[in-house]
Protein backbone atom coordinates (compact mmCIF):
# COMPACT_ATOMS: atom_id res chain seq x y z
CA UNK A 1 -64.15 84.34 -35.85
CA UNK A 2 -67.50 82.83 -36.48
CA UNK A 3 -68.25 79.75 -34.40
CA UNK A 4 -69.11 77.51 -37.39
CA UNK A 5 -65.90 78.38 -39.16
CA UNK A 6 -63.96 77.85 -35.96
CA UNK A 7 -65.43 74.37 -35.46
CA UNK A 8 -64.59 73.37 -39.07
CA UNK A 9 -61.01 74.56 -38.69
CA UNK A 10 -60.57 72.65 -35.46
CA UNK A 11 -62.15 69.56 -37.00
CA UNK A 12 -59.79 69.82 -39.96
CA UNK A 13 -56.86 70.12 -37.56
CA UNK A 14 -57.86 66.99 -35.62
CA UNK A 15 -58.39 64.94 -38.77
CA UNK A 16 -54.71 65.44 -39.54
CA UNK A 17 -53.58 64.21 -36.11
CA UNK A 18 -52.67 60.48 -35.88
CA UNK A 19 -53.62 60.09 -32.20
CA UNK A 20 -57.20 61.03 -33.13
CA UNK A 21 -57.49 58.27 -35.66
CA UNK A 22 -55.86 55.82 -33.22
CA UNK A 23 -58.58 56.58 -30.56
CA UNK A 24 -61.48 56.58 -33.07
CA UNK A 25 -60.44 53.18 -34.38
CA UNK A 26 -59.58 51.72 -31.00
CA UNK A 27 -63.11 52.15 -29.69
CA UNK A 28 -64.89 49.85 -32.19
CA UNK A 29 -61.96 47.37 -32.18
CA UNK A 30 -62.08 47.02 -28.43
CA UNK A 31 -65.87 46.67 -28.43
CA UNK A 32 -65.62 44.02 -31.17
CA UNK A 33 -63.09 42.07 -29.16
CA UNK A 34 -65.24 42.09 -26.05
CA UNK A 35 -68.40 41.19 -27.96
CA UNK A 36 -66.72 38.29 -29.74
CA UNK A 37 -65.21 36.93 -26.57
CA UNK A 38 -68.53 37.17 -24.67
CA UNK A 39 -70.55 35.64 -27.47
CA UNK A 40 -68.27 32.67 -27.69
CA UNK A 41 -68.74 31.63 -24.05
CA UNK A 42 -71.94 33.10 -22.77
CA UNK A 43 -74.80 31.22 -24.36
CA UNK A 44 -74.57 27.51 -23.42
CA UNK A 45 -75.72 25.10 -20.82
CA UNK A 46 -74.65 25.69 -17.22
CA UNK A 47 -72.08 22.94 -16.59
CA UNK A 48 -72.40 20.83 -13.45
CA UNK A 49 -69.96 18.03 -12.73
CA UNK A 50 -70.41 14.84 -10.78
CA UNK A 51 -68.26 11.89 -9.81
CA UNK A 52 -69.45 8.52 -8.40
CA UNK A 53 -67.08 6.78 -6.07
CA UNK A 54 -67.38 3.05 -6.72
CA UNK A 55 -66.31 0.96 -3.71
CA UNK A 56 -66.59 -2.23 -5.77
CA UNK A 57 -66.40 -3.01 -9.44
CA UNK A 58 -70.16 -3.14 -10.04
CA UNK A 59 -72.28 -0.02 -9.62
CA UNK A 60 -75.60 -0.71 -7.84
CA UNK A 61 -78.64 -0.64 -10.13
CA UNK A 62 -80.12 2.37 -8.30
CA UNK A 63 -76.99 4.47 -8.85
CA UNK A 64 -76.87 3.34 -12.47
CA UNK A 65 -80.37 4.79 -12.89
CA UNK A 66 -79.29 8.01 -11.12
CA UNK A 67 -76.43 8.27 -13.66
CA UNK A 68 -78.79 7.64 -16.53
CA UNK A 69 -81.28 10.32 -15.30
CA UNK A 70 -78.52 12.83 -15.01
CA UNK A 71 -77.26 12.05 -18.52
CA UNK A 72 -80.79 12.34 -19.99
CA UNK A 73 -81.69 15.54 -18.13
CA UNK A 74 -82.84 18.19 -20.62
CA UNK A 75 -82.84 21.76 -19.20
CA UNK A 76 -80.65 24.73 -18.47
CA UNK A 77 -78.05 22.57 -16.75
CA UNK A 78 -75.77 20.00 -18.32
CA UNK A 79 -74.55 17.32 -15.90
CA UNK A 80 -71.07 16.08 -16.89
CA UNK A 81 -69.74 12.84 -15.35
CA UNK A 82 -66.07 12.71 -14.42
CA UNK A 83 -63.99 9.57 -14.04
CA UNK A 84 -61.27 11.43 -12.12
CA UNK A 85 -62.16 13.22 -8.89
CA UNK A 86 -59.03 15.40 -9.01
CA UNK A 87 -59.95 16.62 -12.52
CA UNK A 88 -63.38 17.52 -11.21
CA UNK A 89 -61.96 19.54 -8.37
CA UNK A 90 -59.53 21.38 -10.67
CA UNK A 91 -62.34 22.35 -12.98
CA UNK A 92 -64.24 23.82 -10.06
CA UNK A 93 -61.19 25.80 -8.96
CA UNK A 94 -60.86 27.13 -12.56
CA UNK A 95 -64.61 28.01 -12.57
CA UNK A 96 -65.20 25.72 -15.56
CA UNK A 97 -68.09 24.27 -13.60
CA UNK A 98 -70.79 26.01 -11.54
CA UNK A 99 -70.65 23.31 -8.92
CA UNK A 100 -69.88 19.61 -8.62
CA UNK A 101 -71.09 16.63 -6.68
CA UNK A 102 -69.27 13.53 -5.41
CA UNK A 103 -71.61 10.57 -4.78
CA UNK A 104 -70.86 7.37 -2.96
CA UNK A 105 -72.13 4.35 -4.82
CA UNK A 106 -74.37 3.41 -1.86
CA UNK A 107 -76.08 6.88 -1.89
CA UNK A 108 -79.57 5.45 -2.34
CA UNK A 109 -78.98 2.64 0.16
CA UNK A 110 -77.82 5.19 2.83
CA UNK A 111 -80.90 7.32 2.25
CA UNK A 112 -83.19 4.31 2.64
CA UNK A 113 -81.55 3.65 5.97
CA UNK A 114 -82.25 7.28 6.99
CA UNK A 115 -78.62 8.39 6.79
CA UNK A 116 -78.88 11.82 5.23
CA UNK A 117 -75.80 13.53 6.66
CA UNK A 118 -72.57 13.85 4.61
CA UNK A 119 -73.62 11.44 1.93
CA UNK A 120 -72.96 13.89 -0.95
CA UNK A 121 -69.89 16.14 -1.18
CA UNK A 122 -70.66 19.46 -2.85
CA UNK A 123 -68.00 21.65 -4.45
CA UNK A 124 -69.03 25.15 -5.44
CA UNK A 125 -67.29 27.56 -7.75
CA UNK A 126 -66.45 30.84 -6.03
CA UNK A 127 -68.15 32.72 -8.89
CA UNK A 128 -71.48 30.91 -8.89
CA UNK A 129 -74.82 32.11 -7.63
CA UNK A 130 -76.71 29.11 -9.02
CA UNK A 131 -75.84 26.38 -6.56
CA UNK A 132 -79.18 26.51 -4.65
CA UNK A 133 -81.18 26.10 -7.89
CA UNK A 134 -78.88 23.30 -9.06
CA UNK A 135 -79.34 21.53 -5.68
CA UNK A 136 -83.14 21.58 -6.18
CA UNK A 137 -82.77 20.32 -9.74
CA UNK A 138 -80.46 17.54 -8.71
CA UNK A 139 -82.90 16.35 -6.00
CA UNK A 140 -85.75 16.36 -8.51
CA UNK A 141 -83.65 14.08 -10.75
CA UNK A 142 -82.69 11.70 -7.92
CA UNK A 143 -86.11 11.70 -6.28
CA UNK A 144 -87.83 9.20 -8.61
CA UNK A 145 -85.15 6.58 -7.97
CA UNK A 146 -85.18 7.09 -4.19
CA UNK A 147 -88.99 7.19 -3.90
CA UNK A 148 -89.29 3.96 -5.90
CA UNK A 149 -86.82 2.18 -3.63
CA UNK A 150 -88.70 3.51 -0.58
CA UNK A 151 -91.93 2.08 -2.03
CA UNK A 152 -90.28 -1.29 -2.63
CA UNK A 153 -88.93 -1.34 0.90
CA UNK A 154 -92.32 -0.36 2.41
CA UNK A 155 -94.30 -2.95 0.42
CA UNK A 156 -91.90 -5.77 0.99
CA UNK A 157 -91.07 -5.18 4.64
CA UNK A 158 -93.80 -3.22 6.36
CA UNK A 159 -97.10 -3.31 4.47
CA UNK A 160 -100.05 -5.71 4.90
CA UNK A 161 -99.24 -7.42 1.64
CA UNK A 162 -95.60 -8.11 2.37
CA UNK A 163 -96.40 -11.89 2.59
CA UNK A 164 -97.57 -11.85 -0.99
CA UNK A 165 -94.08 -10.89 -2.06
CA UNK A 166 -92.53 -13.67 -0.05
CA UNK A 167 -94.93 -16.11 -1.60
CA UNK A 168 -94.13 -14.88 -5.10
CA UNK A 169 -97.59 -13.57 -5.88
CA UNK A 170 -96.10 -10.14 -6.56
CA UNK A 171 -92.53 -9.29 -7.59
CA UNK A 172 -90.34 -6.22 -7.53
CA UNK A 173 -90.82 -5.98 -11.27
CA UNK A 174 -94.58 -5.48 -10.64
CA UNK A 175 -93.80 -2.60 -8.29
CA UNK A 176 -91.47 -0.97 -10.85
CA UNK A 177 -94.01 -1.34 -13.63
CA UNK A 178 -96.86 0.17 -11.65
CA UNK A 179 -94.68 2.91 -10.16
CA UNK A 180 -93.48 4.04 -13.55
CA UNK A 181 -97.05 4.02 -14.92
CA UNK A 182 -98.41 6.07 -12.07
CA UNK A 183 -95.36 8.38 -12.00
CA UNK A 184 -95.62 9.06 -15.74
CA UNK A 185 -99.32 9.87 -15.76
CA UNK A 186 -98.95 12.34 -12.88
CA UNK A 187 -100.84 10.22 -10.30
CA UNK A 188 -97.98 10.23 -7.80
CA UNK A 189 -96.21 13.07 -6.06
CA UNK A 190 -93.28 14.32 -8.04
CA UNK A 191 -90.79 17.14 -8.46
CA UNK A 192 -90.68 18.52 -11.95
CA UNK A 193 -89.25 21.68 -13.40
CA UNK A 194 -91.02 22.62 -16.65
CA UNK A 195 -90.74 25.41 -19.15
CA UNK A 196 -87.05 25.88 -18.76
CA UNK A 197 -85.09 27.58 -21.56
CA UNK A 198 -82.75 25.46 -23.75
CA UNK A 199 -79.85 27.79 -22.88
CA UNK A 200 -79.00 30.27 -20.28
CA UNK A 201 -76.61 33.22 -20.13
CA UNK A 202 -74.28 32.51 -17.26
CA UNK A 203 -72.89 36.02 -17.34
CA UNK A 204 -75.58 38.54 -16.44
CA UNK A 205 -76.17 41.32 -18.89
CA UNK A 206 -74.99 43.96 -16.43
CA UNK A 207 -71.61 42.32 -16.25
CA UNK A 208 -71.39 42.19 -20.01
CA UNK A 209 -72.55 45.78 -20.52
CA UNK A 210 -70.22 47.26 -18.00
CA UNK A 211 -66.90 46.66 -19.79
CA UNK A 212 -68.30 47.91 -23.09
CA UNK A 213 -69.95 50.97 -21.59
CA UNK A 214 -67.04 51.65 -19.27
CA UNK A 215 -64.37 51.42 -21.97
CA UNK A 216 -66.33 53.75 -24.30
CA UNK A 217 -66.76 56.18 -21.37
CA UNK A 218 -62.98 56.10 -20.57
CA UNK A 219 -62.04 56.66 -24.26
CA UNK A 220 -64.39 59.67 -24.56
CA UNK A 221 -62.98 61.15 -21.42
CA UNK A 222 -59.45 60.52 -22.65
CA UNK A 223 -60.21 62.25 -25.89
CA UNK A 224 -61.49 65.29 -24.02
CA UNK A 225 -58.30 65.41 -22.04
CA UNK A 226 -56.23 65.13 -25.28
CA UNK A 227 -58.21 68.00 -26.75
CA UNK A 228 -57.37 70.16 -23.75
CA UNK A 229 -53.69 69.25 -24.07
CA UNK A 230 -53.74 70.36 -27.72
CA UNK A 231 -55.30 73.64 -26.59
CA UNK A 232 -52.55 74.10 -23.98
CA UNK A 233 -49.85 73.71 -26.62
CA UNK A 234 -51.47 76.29 -28.94
CA UNK A 235 -52.56 78.70 -26.25
CA UNK A 236 -49.31 80.77 -26.55
CA UNK A 237 -50.91 82.36 -29.57
CA UNK A 238 -53.20 85.20 -28.41
CA UNK A 239 -55.93 84.14 -30.85
CA UNK A 240 -56.30 80.78 -29.10
CA UNK A 241 -56.98 82.41 -25.71
CA UNK A 242 -60.55 83.12 -26.64
CA UNK A 243 -63.00 81.05 -24.62
CA UNK A 244 -64.64 79.75 -27.83
CA UNK A 245 -61.37 78.24 -29.00
CA UNK A 246 -60.88 76.33 -25.71
CA UNK A 247 -64.42 74.91 -25.97
CA UNK A 248 -63.96 73.99 -29.67
CA UNK A 249 -60.62 72.15 -29.05
CA UNK A 250 -62.24 70.07 -26.31
CA UNK A 251 -65.68 69.61 -27.89
CA UNK A 252 -64.63 68.36 -31.38
CA UNK A 253 -62.54 65.36 -30.31
CA UNK A 254 -65.15 64.46 -27.71
CA UNK A 255 -67.94 64.44 -30.26
CA UNK A 256 -65.85 62.42 -32.69
CA UNK A 257 -65.19 59.78 -30.07
CA UNK A 258 -68.92 59.84 -29.13
CA UNK A 259 -69.76 59.09 -32.78
CA UNK A 260 -67.24 56.21 -32.76
CA UNK A 261 -68.79 54.92 -29.59
CA UNK A 262 -72.36 55.25 -30.92
CA UNK A 263 -71.39 53.31 -34.11
CA UNK A 264 -69.82 50.58 -31.95
CA UNK A 265 -72.94 50.26 -29.79
CA UNK A 266 -75.33 50.04 -32.78
CA UNK A 267 -73.36 47.94 -35.25
CA UNK A 268 -70.95 45.90 -33.15
CA UNK A 269 -72.31 45.48 -29.63
CA UNK A 270 -76.01 46.12 -30.24
CA UNK A 271 -77.11 42.69 -29.08
CA UNK A 272 -75.64 43.37 -25.62
CA UNK A 273 -78.02 46.30 -25.12
CA UNK A 274 -81.80 46.06 -24.62
CA UNK A 275 -82.21 49.49 -26.23
CA UNK A 276 -79.06 50.67 -28.11
CA UNK A 277 -80.56 54.02 -29.10
CA UNK A 278 -81.44 54.85 -25.45
CA UNK A 279 -77.87 53.97 -24.61
CA UNK A 280 -76.65 56.39 -27.25
CA UNK A 281 -78.74 59.18 -25.68
CA UNK A 282 -77.10 58.47 -22.30
CA UNK A 283 -73.72 58.45 -23.96
CA UNK A 284 -74.37 61.85 -25.50
CA UNK A 285 -75.28 63.32 -22.12
CA UNK A 286 -72.09 61.81 -20.66
CA UNK A 287 -70.03 63.37 -23.56
CA UNK A 288 -71.44 66.78 -22.68
CA UNK A 289 -70.48 66.20 -19.03
CA UNK A 290 -66.96 65.36 -20.14
CA UNK A 291 -66.71 68.57 -22.22
CA UNK A 292 -67.88 70.73 -19.38
CA UNK A 293 -65.72 68.99 -16.78
CA UNK A 294 -62.53 69.18 -18.84
CA UNK A 295 -63.16 72.81 -19.81
CA UNK A 296 -63.52 73.73 -16.14
CA UNK A 297 -60.43 71.69 -15.07
CA UNK A 298 -58.32 73.26 -17.81
CA UNK A 299 -59.37 76.72 -16.57
CA UNK A 300 -58.48 75.89 -12.93
CA UNK A 301 -55.18 74.23 -13.80
CA UNK A 302 -53.11 76.80 -15.57
CA UNK A 303 -49.96 74.70 -16.01
CA UNK A 304 -49.85 72.29 -18.90
CA UNK A 305 -47.42 70.05 -16.93
CA UNK A 306 -49.75 69.87 -13.98
CA UNK A 307 -52.70 69.14 -16.22
CA UNK A 308 -50.76 66.39 -17.98
CA UNK A 309 -49.89 64.83 -14.61
CA UNK A 310 -53.52 65.04 -13.52
CA UNK A 311 -54.79 62.98 -16.51
CA UNK A 312 -53.34 59.53 -15.62
CA UNK A 313 -54.19 59.92 -11.96
CA UNK A 314 -57.83 60.75 -12.70
CA UNK A 315 -58.12 57.99 -15.37
CA UNK A 316 -56.69 55.42 -13.00
CA UNK A 317 -59.24 56.49 -10.39
CA UNK A 318 -61.99 56.05 -12.97
CA UNK A 319 -60.79 52.49 -13.72
CA UNK A 320 -60.62 51.52 -10.09
CA UNK A 321 -63.57 53.30 -8.54
CA UNK A 322 -66.10 53.27 -11.42
CA UNK A 323 -68.00 50.02 -12.05
CA UNK A 324 -66.24 49.25 -15.32
CA UNK A 325 -64.81 45.79 -14.62
CA UNK A 326 -65.77 45.35 -11.00
CA UNK A 327 -67.77 47.39 -8.53
CA UNK A 328 -65.49 48.05 -5.52
CA UNK A 329 -68.45 49.18 -3.44
CA UNK A 330 -69.68 45.55 -3.39
CA UNK A 331 -66.44 44.54 -1.65
CA UNK A 332 -65.97 47.61 0.48
CA UNK A 333 -69.09 49.84 0.84
CA UNK A 334 -66.97 52.47 2.57
CA UNK A 335 -65.40 53.28 -0.84
CA UNK A 336 -68.80 54.03 -2.44
CA UNK A 337 -68.56 57.81 -1.90
CA UNK A 338 -65.15 57.86 -3.67
CA UNK A 339 -66.89 56.68 -6.86
CA UNK A 340 -68.87 59.90 -6.89
CA UNK A 341 -65.64 61.82 -7.74
CA UNK A 342 -65.30 60.16 -11.14
CA UNK A 343 -67.39 60.92 -14.26
CA UNK A 344 -67.82 57.42 -15.74
CA UNK A 345 -69.68 56.40 -12.57
CA UNK A 346 -72.63 58.63 -13.40
CA UNK A 347 -72.82 57.26 -16.98
CA UNK A 348 -72.66 53.65 -15.86
CA UNK A 349 -75.49 54.03 -13.37
CA UNK A 350 -77.84 55.87 -15.78
């Protein structure tokens, strides 16, 4: 039988099989679901919570200015004030916030006295890697308030002109006015973070790509296994024992699922990939690896029952040890060599 005719016959056979359509339609639907869920939550400000403990009814003017500076901050972080400390802590535990701060209302006063230990409580989400950057940004926001109060304290208590304040020649309003003028025109020392984007993707692209890539890889491998099972069922017929028939029965469904994955990458999840067409090339190489691997395994394992039992075990190993949802090697490096036994690993690291 000519190879072209054989491939067309096998293709016609698979088109009639419901499981083939189920797999082909599942790939774009799963990719669509992942893409929509990621798009809805990824691109927004990084949320940072804060709570001010007020010992008395009136908030000190300095802390009121800190609150105003946090509310007016325009950058990649959004500072959200909480009126309930327990709600703040719960949102940290749920990872709704990157981190959170609890200020005492005499924060500025304590810093003026030189008390810098345990004056701010910091709560960090277990998933965040941004807390150090947020700490620096927070200090740059509080710094103008604290530095102005330091200036007032120095001029009124320790400088050579302190008597002029006592005599009413100069007032604190004069200090505030001059400080703001010199601070705004860049004459004084300041912390400032410029050129920040308006939004930031909290989830790194590698984390987003991994589920889409990994699920497509698993579906292609599953389709190759299904093709081998179909061959096992028809192999009682002497005609089907030809090596070309085995290859055709495994190759056709694998290529069909590859096409479904390629369409999903380009038209559904394309924005998640820096170069979708490069990704399709890698996916094609992986599909060839699956075809060769399943052909060899089906030759080694003669029994259809043993082959069917091997499939879920191998797929479970792929899900656990390949970096599809999580990379187990990050938690236990000793498991890294185990990943080399599973095909999706090689595609995901390409």
